[in-house]
Amino acid sequence: MCTSGAIVIKAGKNVSSSAVSGAILEQFSDEAEAFINATTRYDWVANYSKIGTNFKQILADAASALAASYMVAYDMSGYTNRGEAEDIINILHDRATRAIAILKEDKNKTKMGATDT
């Protein structure tokens, strides 16, 4: 639902290079997608092609923000201090929470093209 580049960008310029490996990015992305599917009670991944283009950005924002927060928490050593890393995690959590709230609403699901609600 999102690109690895979006995840890395949201994690911030001080993200640890050890956290940017393909396997770690893939794991965090898969976990974020699973969390979104479970929380919204809809399989966005399986039904991605049914979603309107403009609404896919909401999915991408939620998934990349969640995955980026996992990445920051995985290794905070690259940030100037722990407070910087925690601030980034809090901002990402807020972004993900807002996007997921939109995705949870049945009226929004219908508007987005999610027919199996």
N, C-alpha and C. Protein backbone atom coordinates (compact mmCIF):
# COMPACT_ATOMS: atom_id res chain seq x y z
N MET A 1 0.81 -1.20 0.00
CA MET A 1 0.00 0.00 0.00
C MET A 1 0.86 1.26 0.00
N CYS A 2 2.16 1.09 0.27
CA CYS A 2 3.05 2.25 0.26
C CYS A 2 4.42 1.83 -0.26
N THR A 3 5.23 2.81 -0.60
CA THR A 3 6.57 2.51 -1.09
C THR A 3 7.57 2.53 0.06
N SER A 4 8.68 1.84 -0.14
CA SER A 4 9.73 1.85 0.88
C SER A 4 10.30 3.26 1.02
N GLY A 5 10.34 4.00 -0.08
CA GLY A 5 10.83 5.38 -0.02
C GLY A 5 9.98 6.25 0.89
N ALA A 6 8.67 6.08 0.84
CA ALA A 6 7.78 6.86 1.70
C ALA A 6 8.01 6.54 3.17
N ILE A 7 8.28 5.27 3.45
CA ILE A 7 8.55 4.87 4.83
C ILE A 7 9.83 5.54 5.33
N VAL A 8 10.87 5.46 4.54
CA VAL A 8 12.16 6.02 4.93
C VAL A 8 12.07 7.54 5.10
N ILE A 9 11.39 8.21 4.20
CA ILE A 9 11.24 9.67 4.29
C ILE A 9 10.53 10.05 5.59
N LYS A 10 9.46 9.34 5.91
CA LYS A 10 8.71 9.66 7.13
C LYS A 10 9.49 9.34 8.40
N ALA A 11 10.43 8.40 8.32
CA ALA A 11 11.25 8.07 9.49
C ALA A 11 12.24 9.19 9.80
N GLY A 12 12.48 10.07 8.86
CA GLY A 12 13.34 11.22 9.10
C GLY A 12 14.75 11.04 8.59
N LYS A 13 15.45 12.14 8.44
CA LYS A 13 16.79 12.10 7.84
C LYS A 13 17.81 11.41 8.73
N ASN A 14 17.53 11.27 10.00
CA ASN A 14 18.48 10.63 10.91
C ASN A 14 18.19 9.15 11.16
N VAL A 15 17.31 8.58 10.35
CA VAL A 15 16.99 7.16 10.54
C VAL A 15 18.26 6.33 10.38
N SER A 16 18.38 5.32 11.20
CA SER A 16 19.55 4.46 11.20
C SER A 16 19.63 3.68 9.88
N SER A 17 20.83 3.62 9.31
CA SER A 17 21.01 2.88 8.06
C SER A 17 20.76 1.39 8.26
N SER A 18 20.92 0.89 9.47
CA SER A 18 20.67 -0.54 9.72
C SER A 18 19.18 -0.86 9.63
N ALA A 19 18.33 0.15 9.83
CA ALA A 19 16.89 -0.06 9.78
C ALA A 19 16.34 0.02 8.36
N VAL A 20 17.16 0.45 7.41
CA VAL A 20 16.70 0.70 6.05
C VAL A 20 16.92 -0.51 5.14
N SER A 21 17.27 -1.64 5.68
CA SER A 21 17.48 -2.82 4.85
C SER A 21 16.15 -3.27 4.24
N GLY A 22 16.23 -3.92 3.10
CA GLY A 22 15.03 -4.36 2.40
C GLY A 22 14.16 -5.30 3.22
N ALA A 23 14.79 -6.22 3.92
CA ALA A 23 14.04 -7.19 4.72
C ALA A 23 13.30 -6.51 5.86
N ILE A 24 13.94 -5.58 6.51
CA ILE A 24 13.31 -4.87 7.63
C ILE A 24 12.17 -4.00 7.12
N LEU A 25 12.40 -3.28 6.03
CA LEU A 25 11.34 -2.45 5.44
C LEU A 25 10.13 -3.30 5.05
N GLU A 26 10.40 -4.43 4.44
CA GLU A 26 9.31 -5.32 4.02
C GLU A 26 8.52 -5.83 5.23
N GLN A 27 9.23 -6.23 6.28
CA GLN A 27 8.58 -6.72 7.49
C GLN A 27 7.70 -5.64 8.12
N PHE A 28 8.24 -4.44 8.26
CA PHE A 28 7.47 -3.35 8.87
C PHE A 28 6.28 -2.97 8.00
N SER A 29 6.46 -2.98 6.69
CA SER A 29 5.36 -2.67 5.78
C SER A 29 4.26 -3.71 5.88
N ASP A 30 4.64 -4.98 5.90
CA ASP A 30 3.65 -6.06 6.04
C ASP A 30 2.89 -5.96 7.36
N GLU A 31 3.61 -5.64 8.44
CA GLU A 31 2.97 -5.50 9.75
C GLU A 31 1.99 -4.32 9.76
N ALA A 32 2.38 -3.22 9.14
CA ALA A 32 1.51 -2.05 9.08
C ALA A 32 0.24 -2.37 8.29
N GLU A 33 0.39 -3.04 7.16
CA GLU A 33 -0.78 -3.41 6.35
C GLU A 33 -1.71 -4.35 7.12
N ALA A 34 -1.14 -5.32 7.81
CA ALA A 34 -1.96 -6.25 8.59
C ALA A 34 -2.71 -5.51 9.70
N PHE A 35 -2.03 -4.58 10.35
CA PHE A 35 -2.67 -3.80 11.42
C PHE A 35 -3.83 -2.98 10.86
N ILE A 36 -3.62 -2.34 9.72
CA ILE A 36 -4.68 -1.53 9.11
C ILE A 36 -5.86 -2.42 8.72
N ASN A 37 -5.58 -3.57 8.12
CA ASN A 37 -6.66 -4.49 7.73
C ASN A 37 -7.46 -4.95 8.95
N ALA A 38 -6.77 -5.33 10.01
CA ALA A 38 -7.46 -5.82 11.20
C ALA A 38 -8.25 -4.71 11.89
N THR A 39 -7.65 -3.54 11.99
CA THR A 39 -8.30 -2.43 12.69
C THR A 39 -9.53 -1.93 11.95
N THR A 40 -9.47 -1.90 10.63
CA THR A 40 -10.59 -1.39 9.85
C THR A 40 -11.56 -2.49 9.43
N ARG A 41 -11.19 -3.74 9.71
CA ARG A 41 -12.01 -4.90 9.36
C ARG A 41 -12.31 -4.97 7.87
N TYR A 42 -11.28 -4.70 7.09
CA TYR A 42 -11.39 -4.78 5.63
C TYR A 42 -10.01 -5.13 5.07
N ASP A 43 -9.98 -6.02 4.11
CA ASP A 43 -8.70 -6.42 3.52
C ASP A 43 -8.36 -5.48 2.36
N TRP A 44 -7.71 -4.37 2.70
CA TRP A 44 -7.34 -3.37 1.71
C TRP A 44 -6.31 -3.91 0.73
N VAL A 45 -5.46 -4.78 1.19
CA VAL A 45 -4.40 -5.33 0.32
C VAL A 45 -5.02 -6.19 -0.78
N ALA A 46 -5.90 -7.10 -0.40
CA ALA A 46 -6.53 -7.99 -1.39
C ALA A 46 -7.44 -7.23 -2.34
N ASN A 47 -8.02 -6.14 -1.88
CA ASN A 47 -8.99 -5.39 -2.68
C ASN A 47 -8.44 -4.05 -3.16
N TYR A 48 -7.13 -3.91 -3.17
CA TYR A 48 -6.48 -2.63 -3.50
C TYR A 48 -6.91 -2.09 -4.86
N SER A 49 -7.07 -2.96 -5.83
CA SER A 49 -7.41 -2.51 -7.19
C SER A 49 -8.81 -1.90 -7.27
N LYS A 50 -9.67 -2.19 -6.30
CA LYS A 50 -11.03 -1.65 -6.28
C LYS A 50 -11.09 -0.23 -5.73
N ILE A 51 -10.04 0.21 -5.07
CA ILE A 51 -10.04 1.50 -4.38
C ILE A 51 -9.75 2.62 -5.37
N GLY A 52 -10.48 3.70 -5.24
CA GLY A 52 -10.27 4.86 -6.10
C GLY A 52 -8.87 5.43 -5.92
N THR A 53 -8.30 5.94 -7.00
CA THR A 53 -6.93 6.44 -7.00
C THR A 53 -6.68 7.49 -5.92
N ASN A 54 -7.57 8.44 -5.79
CA ASN A 54 -7.36 9.50 -4.80
C ASN A 54 -7.38 8.97 -3.37
N PHE A 55 -8.13 7.92 -3.12
CA PHE A 55 -8.23 7.38 -1.77
C PHE A 55 -7.06 6.48 -1.41
N LYS A 56 -6.34 6.00 -2.41
CA LYS A 56 -5.17 5.16 -2.14
C LYS A 56 -4.11 5.93 -1.35
N GLN A 57 -4.11 7.24 -1.46
CA GLN A 57 -3.15 8.05 -0.72
C GLN A 57 -3.39 7.99 0.79
N ILE A 58 -4.65 7.82 1.19
CA ILE A 58 -4.96 7.67 2.61
C ILE A 58 -4.38 6.35 3.13
N LEU A 59 -4.54 5.31 2.34
CA LEU A 59 -3.95 4.02 2.70
C LEU A 59 -2.43 4.11 2.77
N ALA A 60 -1.84 4.77 1.79
CA ALA A 60 -0.38 4.92 1.75
C ALA A 60 0.12 5.71 2.95
N ASP A 61 -0.61 6.76 3.32
CA ASP A 61 -0.20 7.57 4.46
C ASP A 61 -0.25 6.76 5.75
N ALA A 62 -1.33 6.02 5.94
CA ALA A 62 -1.46 5.20 7.15
C ALA A 62 -0.37 4.13 7.21
N ALA A 63 -0.17 3.42 6.11
CA ALA A 63 0.80 2.33 6.10
C ALA A 63 2.23 2.84 6.26
N SER A 64 2.57 3.91 5.57
CA SER A 64 3.94 4.42 5.66
C SER A 64 4.22 5.04 7.02
N ALA A 65 3.23 5.70 7.60
CA ALA A 65 3.43 6.29 8.93
C ALA A 65 3.63 5.20 9.98
N LEU A 66 2.81 4.15 9.92
CA LEU A 66 2.97 3.05 10.87
C LEU A 66 4.32 2.36 10.70
N ALA A 67 4.66 2.02 9.46
CA ALA A 67 5.92 1.33 9.20
C ALA A 67 7.11 2.20 9.60
N ALA A 68 7.03 3.50 9.35
CA ALA A 68 8.12 4.41 9.73
C ALA A 68 8.27 4.49 11.24
N SER A 69 7.15 4.47 11.96
CA SER A 69 7.24 4.51 13.43
C SER A 69 7.91 3.24 13.95
N TYR A 70 7.63 2.10 13.31
CA TYR A 70 8.30 0.85 13.69
C TYR A 70 9.79 0.96 13.42
N MET A 71 10.14 1.59 12.31
CA MET A 71 11.54 1.74 11.93
C MET A 71 12.30 2.62 12.92
N VAL A 72 11.69 3.73 13.32
CA VAL A 72 12.32 4.62 14.29
C VAL A 72 12.52 3.90 15.61
N ALA A 73 11.50 3.18 16.05
CA ALA A 73 11.59 2.46 17.32
C ALA A 73 12.62 1.33 17.26
N TYR A 74 12.81 0.75 16.11
CA TYR A 74 13.75 -0.35 15.93
C TYR A 74 15.18 0.05 16.29
N ASP A 75 15.58 1.27 15.88
CA ASP A 75 16.94 1.73 16.16
C ASP A 75 16.94 3.25 16.24
N MET A 76 16.99 3.77 17.45
CA MET A 76 16.96 5.22 17.67
C MET A 76 18.35 5.85 17.67
N SER A 77 19.38 5.06 17.43
CA SER A 77 20.75 5.55 17.58
C SER A 77 21.13 6.66 16.59
N GLY A 78 20.47 6.76 15.46
CA GLY A 78 20.83 7.77 14.47
C GLY A 78 20.30 9.16 14.77
N TYR A 79 19.36 9.26 15.67
CA TYR A 79 18.75 10.55 15.98
C TYR A 79 19.62 11.31 16.98
N THR A 80 19.46 12.62 17.00
CA THR A 80 20.32 13.44 17.87
C THR A 80 20.13 13.11 19.34
N ASN A 81 18.93 12.68 19.70
CA ASN A 81 18.66 12.21 21.06
C ASN A 81 17.36 11.41 21.05
N ARG A 82 17.10 10.74 22.14
CA ARG A 82 15.91 9.91 22.23
C ARG A 82 14.63 10.74 22.08
N GLY A 83 14.65 11.95 22.58
CA GLY A 83 13.48 12.83 22.47
C GLY A 83 13.10 13.11 21.02
N GLU A 84 14.11 13.31 20.17
CA GLU A 84 13.84 13.53 18.75
C GLU A 84 13.13 12.31 18.15
N ALA A 85 13.64 11.13 18.45
CA ALA A 85 13.04 9.90 17.94
C ALA A 85 11.61 9.73 18.46
N GLU A 86 11.41 10.01 19.73
CA GLU A 86 10.07 9.87 20.31
C GLU A 86 9.10 10.88 19.71
N ASP A 87 9.56 12.09 19.44
CA ASP A 87 8.71 13.09 18.78
C ASP A 87 8.27 12.61 17.40
N ILE A 88 9.20 12.04 16.65
CA ILE A 88 8.87 11.53 15.33
C ILE A 88 7.85 10.40 15.44
N ILE A 89 8.07 9.49 16.38
CA ILE A 89 7.11 8.39 16.58
C ILE A 89 5.73 8.95 16.92
N ASN A 90 5.65 9.94 17.79
CA ASN A 90 4.36 10.53 18.17
C ASN A 90 3.66 11.18 16.97
N ILE A 91 4.41 11.88 16.15
CA ILE A 91 3.83 12.52 14.95
C ILE A 91 3.32 11.45 13.99
N LEU A 92 4.12 10.41 13.78
CA LEU A 92 3.72 9.33 12.89
C LEU A 92 2.49 8.59 13.42
N HIS A 93 2.46 8.38 14.71
CA HIS A 93 1.30 7.71 15.33
C HIS A 93 0.04 8.54 15.10
N ASP A 94 0.14 9.85 15.26
CA ASP A 94 -1.01 10.73 15.04
C ASP A 94 -1.49 10.65 13.59
N ARG A 95 -0.55 10.69 12.64
CA ARG A 95 -0.91 10.60 11.22
C ARG A 95 -1.62 9.29 10.93
N ALA A 96 -1.06 8.19 11.42
CA ALA A 96 -1.64 6.88 11.18
C ALA A 96 -3.03 6.77 11.82
N THR A 97 -3.16 7.25 13.03
CA THR A 97 -4.44 7.19 13.74
C THR A 97 -5.53 7.95 13.00
N ARG A 98 -5.19 9.13 12.49
CA ARG A 98 -6.18 9.93 11.74
C ARG A 98 -6.59 9.22 10.45
N ALA A 99 -5.62 8.69 9.73
CA ALA A 99 -5.93 8.00 8.48
C ALA A 99 -6.75 6.74 8.73
N ILE A 100 -6.41 5.99 9.75
CA ILE A 100 -7.15 4.76 10.07
C ILE A 100 -8.58 5.09 10.50
N ALA A 101 -8.77 6.19 11.20
CA ALA A 101 -10.12 6.60 11.58
C ALA A 101 -10.98 6.83 10.34
N ILE A 102 -10.41 7.42 9.31
CA ILE A 102 -11.13 7.63 8.05
C ILE A 102 -11.45 6.28 7.41
N LEU A 103 -10.48 5.39 7.41
CA LEU A 103 -10.65 4.08 6.77
C LEU A 103 -11.65 3.18 7.50
N LYS A 104 -11.86 3.41 8.76
CA LYS A 104 -12.78 2.58 9.56
C LYS A 104 -14.24 2.87 9.28
N GLU A 105 -14.55 4.07 8.85
CA GLU A 105 -15.94 4.48 8.67
C GLU A 105 -16.55 3.82 7.44
N ASP A 106 -17.69 3.16 7.63
CA ASP A 106 -18.34 2.45 6.53
C ASP A 106 -18.72 3.38 5.38
N LYS A 107 -19.16 4.59 5.69
CA LYS A 107 -19.51 5.53 4.62
C LYS A 107 -18.29 5.87 3.77
N ASN A 108 -17.15 6.03 4.42
CA ASN A 108 -15.93 6.31 3.67
C ASN A 108 -15.49 5.10 2.86
N LYS A 109 -15.62 3.91 3.44
CA LYS A 109 -15.27 2.69 2.73
C LYS A 109 -16.06 2.58 1.43
N THR A 110 -17.36 2.85 1.51
CA THR A 110 -18.23 2.79 0.34
C THR A 110 -17.79 3.81 -0.71
N LYS A 111 -17.51 5.02 -0.26
CA LYS A 111 -17.07 6.09 -1.17
C LYS A 111 -15.73 5.73 -1.84
N MET A 112 -14.87 5.05 -1.12
CA MET A 112 -13.55 4.69 -1.64
C MET A 112 -13.61 3.53 -2.62
N GLY A 113 -14.71 2.80 -2.64
CA GLY A 113 -14.83 1.64 -3.52
C GLY A 113 -14.67 0.32 -2.80
N ALA A 114 -14.61 0.36 -1.49
CA ALA A 114 -14.49 -0.86 -0.69
C ALA A 114 -15.89 -1.45 -0.55
N THR A 115 -16.20 -2.43 -1.37
CA THR A 115 -17.57 -2.96 -1.43
C THR A 115 -17.83 -4.08 -0.44
N ASP A 116 -16.80 -4.72 0.05
CA ASP A 116 -16.96 -5.86 0.96
C ASP A 116 -16.77 -5.42 2.40
N THR A 117 -17.62 -4.50 2.90
CA THR A 117 -17.45 -3.96 4.25
C THR A 117 -18.15 -4.78 5.28
